[in-house]
């Protein structure tokens, strides 16, 4: 969730990607915004994919499969 009270989703993504124990875990940003700057923010934060809500379930499955394939 990007709008967390103490830490936003982008910072969570940055911290997960910075930690050796979690750096390889794929992160998919599923947000209510599909603005270009949000996509750029997601990628800069370390997200592997960005999807806007409402999201077609097959798009989410495709994003997950692409991320898992990138890790394996």
PDB file of N, CA and C in Angstrom:
ATOM      1  N   UNK A   1       0.858  -1.182   0.000  1.00  0.00           N
ATOM      2  CA  UNK A   1       0.000   0.000   0.000  1.00  0.00           C
ATOM      3  C   UNK A   1       0.894   1.232   0.000  1.00  0.00           C
ATOM      4  N   UNK A   2       0.652   2.100  -0.938  1.00  0.00           N
ATOM      5  CA  UNK A   2       1.501   3.294  -1.021  1.00  0.00           C
ATOM      6  C   UNK A   2       1.220   4.292   0.079  1.00  0.00           C
ATOM      7  N   UNK A   3       0.013   4.289   0.610  1.00  0.00           N
ATOM      8  CA  UNK A   3      -0.374   5.300   1.583  1.00  0.00           C
ATOM      9  C   UNK A   3      -0.302   4.858   3.027  1.00  0.00           C
ATOM     10  N   UNK A   4       0.711   4.089   3.384  1.00  0.00           N
ATOM     11  CA  UNK A   4       0.861   3.671   4.779  1.00  0.00           C
ATOM     12  C   UNK A   4       1.210   4.877   5.640  1.00  0.00           C
ATOM     13  N   UNK A   5       0.792   4.877   6.902  1.00  0.00           N
ATOM     14  CA  UNK A   5       1.003   6.061   7.744  1.00  0.00           C
ATOM     15  C   UNK A   5       2.460   6.341   8.109  1.00  0.00           C
ATOM     16  N   UNK A   6       3.258   5.317   8.361  1.00  0.00           N
ATOM     17  CA  UNK A   6       4.626   5.551   8.818  1.00  0.00           C
ATOM     18  C   UNK A   6       5.678   5.372   7.733  1.00  0.00           C
ATOM     19  N   UNK A   7       5.362   4.552   6.753  1.00  0.00           N
ATOM     20  CA  UNK A   7       6.312   4.269   5.676  1.00  0.00           C
ATOM     21  C   UNK A   7       5.493   3.946   4.424  1.00  0.00           C
ATOM     22  N   UNK A   8       5.864   4.526   3.294  1.00  0.00           N
ATOM     23  CA  UNK A   8       5.061   4.266   2.100  1.00  0.00           C
ATOM     24  C   UNK A   8       5.555   3.019   1.369  1.00  0.00           C
ATOM     25  N   UNK A   9       4.756   2.567   0.421  1.00  0.00           N
ATOM     26  CA  UNK A   9       5.065   1.347  -0.313  1.00  0.00           C
ATOM     27  C   UNK A   9       6.358   1.414  -1.089  1.00  0.00           C
ATOM     28  N   UNK A  10       6.691   2.596  -1.589  1.00  0.00           N
ATOM     29  CA  UNK A  10       7.949   2.728  -2.328  1.00  0.00           C
ATOM     30  C   UNK A  10       9.138   2.498  -1.400  1.00  0.00           C
ATOM     31  N   UNK A  11       9.054   3.017  -0.187  1.00  0.00           N
ATOM     32  CA  UNK A  11      10.147   2.819   0.766  1.00  0.00           C
ATOM     33  C   UNK A  11      10.232   1.354   1.190  1.00  0.00           C
ATOM     34  N   UNK A  12       9.108   0.705   1.358  1.00  0.00           N
ATOM     35  CA  UNK A  12       9.111  -0.728   1.672  1.00  0.00           C
ATOM     36  C   UNK A  12       9.820  -1.489   0.548  1.00  0.00           C
ATOM     37  N   UNK A  13       9.490  -1.173  -0.698  1.00  0.00           N
ATOM     38  CA  UNK A  13      10.134  -1.828  -1.833  1.00  0.00           C
ATOM     39  C   UNK A  13      11.643  -1.573  -1.826  1.00  0.00           C
ATOM     40  N   UNK A  14      12.046  -0.326  -1.581  1.00  0.00           N
ATOM     41  CA  UNK A  14      13.482   0.000  -1.541  1.00  0.00           C
ATOM     42  C   UNK A  14      14.197  -0.815  -0.466  1.00  0.00           C
ATOM     43  N   UNK A  15      13.586  -0.906   0.709  1.00  0.00           N
ATOM     44  CA  UNK A  15      14.208  -1.645   1.804  1.00  0.00           C
ATOM     45  C   UNK A  15      14.291  -3.138   1.505  1.00  0.00           C
ATOM     46  N   UNK A  16      13.240  -3.690   0.899  1.00  0.00           N
ATOM     47  CA  UNK A  16      13.263  -5.110   0.547  1.00  0.00           C
ATOM     48  C   UNK A  16      14.342  -5.404  -0.486  1.00  0.00           C
ATOM     49  N   UNK A  17      14.485  -4.535  -1.466  1.00  0.00           N
ATOM     50  CA  UNK A  17      15.496  -4.751  -2.501  1.00  0.00           C
ATOM     51  C   UNK A  17      16.914  -4.490  -1.985  1.00  0.00           C
ATOM     52  N   UNK A  18      17.055  -3.697  -0.933  1.00  0.00           N
ATOM     53  CA  UNK A  18      18.372  -3.392  -0.373  1.00  0.00           C
ATOM     54  C   UNK A  18      18.878  -4.486   0.570  1.00  0.00           C
ATOM     55  N   UNK A  19      17.973  -5.261   1.140  1.00  0.00           N
ATOM     56  CA  UNK A  19      18.365  -6.290   2.100  1.00  0.00           C
ATOM     57  C   UNK A  19      18.776  -7.574   1.372  1.00  0.00           C
ATOM     58  N   UNK A  20      19.935  -8.119   1.688  1.00  0.00           N
ATOM     59  CA  UNK A  20      20.397  -9.336   1.012  1.00  0.00           C
ATOM     60  C   UNK A  20      19.404 -10.501   1.107  1.00  0.00           C
ATOM     61  N   UNK A  21      18.693 -10.590   2.216  1.00  0.00           N
ATOM     62  CA  UNK A  21      17.761 -11.709   2.423  1.00  0.00           C
ATOM     63  C   UNK A  21      16.526 -11.619   1.531  1.00  0.00           C
ATOM     64  N   UNK A  22      16.177 -10.433   1.056  1.00  0.00           N
ATOM     65  CA  UNK A  22      14.931 -10.249   0.308  1.00  0.00           C
ATOM     66  C   UNK A  22      15.128  -9.634  -1.075  1.00  0.00           C
ATOM     67  N   UNK A  23      16.345  -9.375  -1.455  1.00  0.00           N
ATOM     68  CA  UNK A  23      16.587  -8.672  -2.718  1.00  0.00           C
ATOM     69  C   UNK A  23      16.073  -9.424  -3.944  1.00  0.00           C
ATOM     70  N   UNK A  24      16.056 -10.757  -3.888  1.00  0.00           N
ATOM     71  CA  UNK A  24      15.632 -11.543  -5.052  1.00  0.00           C
ATOM     72  C   UNK A  24      14.122 -11.761  -5.108  1.00  0.00           C
ATOM     73  N   UNK A  25      13.407 -11.336  -4.082  1.00  0.00           N
ATOM     74  CA  UNK A  25      11.948 -11.509  -4.075  1.00  0.00           C
ATOM     75  C   UNK A  25      11.325 -10.502  -5.033  1.00  0.00           C
ATOM     76  N   UNK A  26      10.566 -10.982  -6.016  1.00  0.00           N
ATOM     77  CA  UNK A  26       9.919 -10.054  -6.947  1.00  0.00           C
ATOM     78  C   UNK A  26       8.845  -9.209  -6.247  1.00  0.00           C
ATOM     79  N   UNK A  27       8.747  -7.973  -6.668  1.00  0.00           N
ATOM     80  CA  UNK A  27       7.740  -7.056  -6.120  1.00  0.00           C
ATOM     81  C   UNK A  27       6.886  -6.546  -7.267  1.00  0.00           C
ATOM     82  N   UNK A  28       5.573  -6.705  -7.119  1.00  0.00           N
ATOM     83  CA  UNK A  28       4.626  -6.176  -8.089  1.00  0.00           C
ATOM     84  C   UNK A  28       3.834  -5.074  -7.401  1.00  0.00           C
ATOM     85  N   UNK A  29       3.923  -3.868  -7.928  1.00  0.00           N
ATOM     86  CA  UNK A  29       3.132  -2.750  -7.398  1.00  0.00           C
ATOM     87  C   UNK A  29       1.737  -2.833  -8.029  1.00  0.00           C
ATOM     88  N   UNK A  30       0.742  -3.024  -7.204  1.00  0.00           N
ATOM     89  CA  UNK A  30      -0.649  -3.055  -7.648  1.00  0.00           C
ATOM     90  C   UNK A  30      -1.308  -1.834  -7.035  1.00  0.00           C
ATOM     91  N   UNK A  31      -1.454  -0.778  -7.834  1.00  0.00           N
ATOM     92  CA  UNK A  31      -1.868   0.513  -7.310  1.00  0.00           C
ATOM     93  C   UNK A  31      -3.118   1.044  -8.006  1.00  0.00           C
ATOM     94  N   UNK A  32      -3.687   2.055  -7.412  1.00  0.00           N
ATOM     95  CA  UNK A  32      -4.853   2.709  -7.995  1.00  0.00           C
ATOM     96  C   UNK A  32      -4.486   3.761  -9.015  1.00  0.00           C
ATOM     97  N   UNK A  33      -3.205   3.929  -9.274  1.00  0.00           N
ATOM     98  CA  UNK A  33      -2.757   4.974 -10.192  1.00  0.00           C
ATOM     99  C   UNK A  33      -2.005   4.371 -11.367  1.00  0.00           C
ATOM    100  N   UNK A  34      -2.345   4.812 -12.554  1.00  0.00           N
ATOM    101  CA  UNK A  34      -1.646   4.355 -13.753  1.00  0.00           C
ATOM    102  C   UNK A  34      -0.941   5.522 -14.442  1.00  0.00           C
ATOM    103  N   UNK A  35      -0.637   6.548 -13.679  1.00  0.00           N
ATOM    104  CA  UNK A  35       0.057   7.701 -14.235  1.00  0.00           C
ATOM    105  C   UNK A  35       1.516   7.343 -14.538  1.00  0.00           C
ATOM    106  N   UNK A  36       2.066   7.914 -15.592  1.00  0.00           N
ATOM    107  CA  UNK A  36       3.453   7.584 -15.967  1.00  0.00           C
ATOM    108  C   UNK A  36       4.461   7.782 -14.834  1.00  0.00           C
ATOM    109  N   UNK A  37       4.313   8.850 -14.062  1.00  0.00           N
ATOM    110  CA  UNK A  37       5.300   9.077 -12.996  1.00  0.00           C
ATOM    111  C   UNK A  37       5.186   8.024 -11.892  1.00  0.00           C
ATOM    112  N   UNK A  38       4.008   7.426 -11.721  1.00  0.00           N
ATOM    113  CA  UNK A  38       3.857   6.348 -10.733  1.00  0.00           C
ATOM    114  C   UNK A  38       4.601   5.097 -11.205  1.00  0.00           C
ATOM    115  N   UNK A  39       4.524   4.820 -12.497  1.00  0.00           N
ATOM    116  CA  UNK A  39       5.258   3.675 -13.045  1.00  0.00           C
ATOM    117  C   UNK A  39       6.764   3.880 -12.859  1.00  0.00           C
ATOM    118  N   UNK A  40       7.233   5.087 -13.130  1.00  0.00           N
ATOM    119  CA  UNK A  40       8.655   5.397 -12.955  1.00  0.00           C
ATOM    120  C   UNK A  40       9.037   5.262 -11.484  1.00  0.00           C
ATOM    121  N   UNK A  41       8.213   5.760 -10.591  1.00  0.00           N
ATOM    122  CA  UNK A  41       8.487   5.647  -9.150  1.00  0.00           C
ATOM    123  C   UNK A  41       8.570   4.187  -8.726  1.00  0.00           C
ATOM    124  N   UNK A  42       7.692   3.365  -9.268  1.00  0.00           N
ATOM    125  CA  UNK A  42       7.702   1.936  -8.926  1.00  0.00           C
ATOM    126  C   UNK A  42       9.007   1.285  -9.356  1.00  0.00           C
ATOM    127  N   UNK A  43       9.437   1.560 -10.557  1.00  0.00           N
ATOM    128  CA  UNK A  43      10.672   0.957 -11.051  1.00  0.00           C
ATOM    129  C   UNK A  43      11.890   1.479 -10.284  1.00  0.00           C
ATOM    130  N   UNK A  44      11.904   2.765  -9.989  1.00  0.00           N
ATOM    131  CA  UNK A  44      13.024   3.340  -9.212  1.00  0.00           C
ATOM    132  C   UNK A  44      13.083   2.762  -7.810  1.00  0.00           C
ATOM    133  N   UNK A  45      11.924   2.413  -7.260  1.00  0.00           N
ATOM    134  CA  UNK A  45      11.874   1.853  -5.909  1.00  0.00           C
ATOM    135  C   UNK A  45      12.304   0.389  -5.895  1.00  0.00           C
ATOM    136  N   UNK A  46      12.372  -0.224  -7.074  1.00  0.00           N
ATOM    137  CA  UNK A  46      12.803  -1.616  -7.144  1.00  0.00           C
ATOM    138  C   UNK A  46      11.706  -2.596  -7.505  1.00  0.00           C
ATOM    139  N   UNK A  47      10.532  -2.093  -7.818  1.00  0.00           N
ATOM    140  CA  UNK A  47       9.443  -2.992  -8.214  1.00  0.00           C
ATOM    141  C   UNK A  47       9.776  -3.626  -9.564  1.00  0.00           C
ATOM    142  N   UNK A  48       9.380  -4.862  -9.694  1.00  0.00           N
ATOM    143  CA  UNK A  48       9.642  -5.580 -10.930  1.00  0.00           C
ATOM    144  C   UNK A  48       8.545  -5.368 -11.961  1.00  0.00           C
ATOM    145  N   UNK A  49       7.361  -5.064 -11.484  1.00  0.00           N
ATOM    146  CA  UNK A  49       6.216  -4.801 -12.363  1.00  0.00           C
ATOM    147  C   UNK A  49       5.319  -3.767 -11.693  1.00  0.00           C
ATOM    148  N   UNK A  50       4.487  -3.117 -12.503  1.00  0.00           N
ATOM    149  CA  UNK A  50       3.513  -2.141 -12.015  1.00  0.00           C
ATOM    150  C   UNK A  50       2.191  -2.419 -12.710  1.00  0.00           C
ATOM    151  N   UNK A  51       1.151  -2.643 -11.922  1.00  0.00           N
ATOM    152  CA  UNK A  51      -0.193  -2.858 -12.455  1.00  0.00           C
ATOM    153  C   UNK A  51      -1.149  -1.881 -11.791  1.00  0.00           C
ATOM    154  N   UNK A  52      -2.066  -1.357 -12.583  1.00  0.00           N
ATOM    155  CA  UNK A  52      -3.055  -0.424 -12.046  1.00  0.00           C
ATOM    156  C   UNK A  52      -4.358  -1.162 -11.742  1.00  0.00           C
ATOM    157  N   UNK A  53      -4.994  -0.772 -10.641  1.00  0.00           N
ATOM    158  CA  UNK A  53      -6.316  -1.308 -10.297  1.00  0.00           C
ATOM    159  C   UNK A  53      -7.376  -0.473 -10.990  1.00  0.00           C
ATOM    160  N   UNK A  54      -8.493  -1.044 -11.365  1.00  0.00           N
ATOM    161  CA  UNK A  54      -8.760  -2.477 -11.264  1.00  0.00           C
ATOM    162  C   UNK A  54      -7.909  -3.241 -12.269  1.00  0.00           C
ATOM    163  N   UNK A  55      -7.491  -4.400 -11.860  1.00  0.00           N
ATOM    164  CA  UNK A  55      -6.582  -5.215 -12.664  1.00  0.00           C
ATOM    165  C   UNK A  55      -7.322  -6.467 -13.133  1.00  0.00           C
ATOM    166  N   UNK A  56      -7.162  -6.779 -14.392  1.00  0.00           N
ATOM    167  CA  UNK A  56      -7.711  -8.016 -14.933  1.00  0.00           C
ATOM    168  C   UNK A  56      -6.918  -9.170 -14.324  1.00  0.00           C
ATOM    169  N   UNK A  57      -7.585 -10.160 -13.753  1.00  0.00           N
ATOM    170  CA  UNK A  57      -6.858 -11.258 -13.095  1.00  0.00           C
ATOM    171  C   UNK A  57      -5.793 -11.917 -13.973  1.00  0.00           C
ATOM    172  N   UNK A  58      -6.065 -12.048 -15.254  1.00  0.00           N
ATOM    173  CA  UNK A  58      -5.063 -12.682 -16.121  1.00  0.00           C
ATOM    174  C   UNK A  58      -3.804 -11.819 -16.255  1.00  0.00           C
ATOM    175  N   UNK A  59      -3.964 -10.501 -16.161  1.00  0.00           N
ATOM    176  CA  UNK A  59      -2.791  -9.613 -16.192  1.00  0.00           C
ATOM    177  C   UNK A  59      -1.934  -9.814 -14.949  1.00  0.00           C
ATOM    178  N   UNK A  60      -2.574  -9.998 -13.805  1.00  0.00           N
ATOM    179  CA  UNK A  60      -1.842 -10.226 -12.565  1.00  0.00           C
ATOM    180  C   UNK A  60      -1.119 -11.573 -12.626  1.00  0.00           C
ATOM    181  N   UNK A  61      -1.803 -12.598 -13.092  1.00  0.00           N
ATOM    182  CA  UNK A  61      -1.173 -13.915 -13.218  1.00  0.00           C
ATOM    183  C   UNK A  61       0.022 -13.834 -14.170  1.00  0.00           C
ATOM    184  N   UNK A  62      -0.140 -13.132 -15.278  1.00  0.00           N
ATOM    185  CA  UNK A  62       0.949 -12.962 -16.240  1.00  0.00           C
ATOM    186  C   UNK A  62       2.143 -12.253 -15.590  1.00  0.00           C
ATOM    187  N   UNK A  63       1.871 -11.189 -14.827  1.00  0.00           N
ATOM    188  CA  UNK A  63       2.951 -10.457 -14.155  1.00  0.00           C
ATOM    189  C   UNK A  63       3.676 -11.355 -13.156  1.00  0.00           C
ATOM    190  N   UNK A  64       2.920 -12.161 -12.418  1.00  0.00           N
ATOM    191  CA  UNK A  64       3.530 -13.080 -11.448  1.00  0.00           C
ATOM    192  C   UNK A  64       4.397 -14.100 -12.175  1.00  0.00           C
ATOM    193  N   UNK A  65       3.870 -14.671 -13.248  1.00  0.00           N
ATOM    194  CA  UNK A  65       4.643 -15.670 -13.996  1.00  0.00           C
ATOM    195  C   UNK A  65       5.915 -15.063 -14.575  1.00  0.00           C
ATOM    196  N   UNK A  66       5.831 -13.839 -15.065  1.00  0.00           N
ATOM    197  CA  UNK A  66       7.032 -13.183 -15.605  1.00  0.00           C
ATOM    198  C   UNK A  66       8.060 -12.939 -14.492  1.00  0.00           C
ATOM    199  N   UNK A  67       7.583 -12.531 -13.334  1.00  0.00           N
ATOM    200  CA  UNK A  67       8.512 -12.297 -12.216  1.00  0.00           C
ATOM    201  C   UNK A  67       9.142 -13.595 -11.734  1.00  0.00           C
ATOM    202  N   UNK A  68       8.357 -14.626 -11.624  1.00  0.00           N
ATOM    203  CA  UNK A  68       8.902 -15.914 -11.174  1.00  0.00           C
ATOM    204  C   UNK A  68       9.893 -16.445 -12.198  1.00  0.00           C
ATOM    205  N   UNK A  69       9.573 -16.289 -13.462  1.00  0.00           N
ATOM    206  CA  UNK A  69      10.488 -16.733 -14.511  1.00  0.00           C
ATOM    207  C   UNK A  69      11.793 -15.971 -14.488  1.00  0.00           C
ATOM    208  N   UNK A  70      11.716 -14.689 -14.087  1.00  0.00           N
ATOM    209  CA  UNK A  70      12.916 -13.862 -14.011  1.00  0.00           C
ATOM    210  C   UNK A  70      13.809 -14.286 -12.852  1.00  0.00           C
ATOM    211  N   UNK A  71      13.224 -14.917 -11.830  1.00  0.00           N
ATOM    212  CA  UNK A  71      13.983 -15.322 -10.647  1.00  0.00           C
ATOM    213  C   UNK A  71      14.560 -16.722 -10.823  1.00  0.00           C
ATOM    214  N   UNK A  72      13.811 -17.561 -11.500  1.00  0.00           N
ATOM    215  CA  UNK A  72      14.233 -18.983 -11.626  1.00  0.00           C
ATOM    216  C   UNK A  72      15.373 -19.087 -12.616  1.00  0.00           C
TER     217      UNK A  72
END
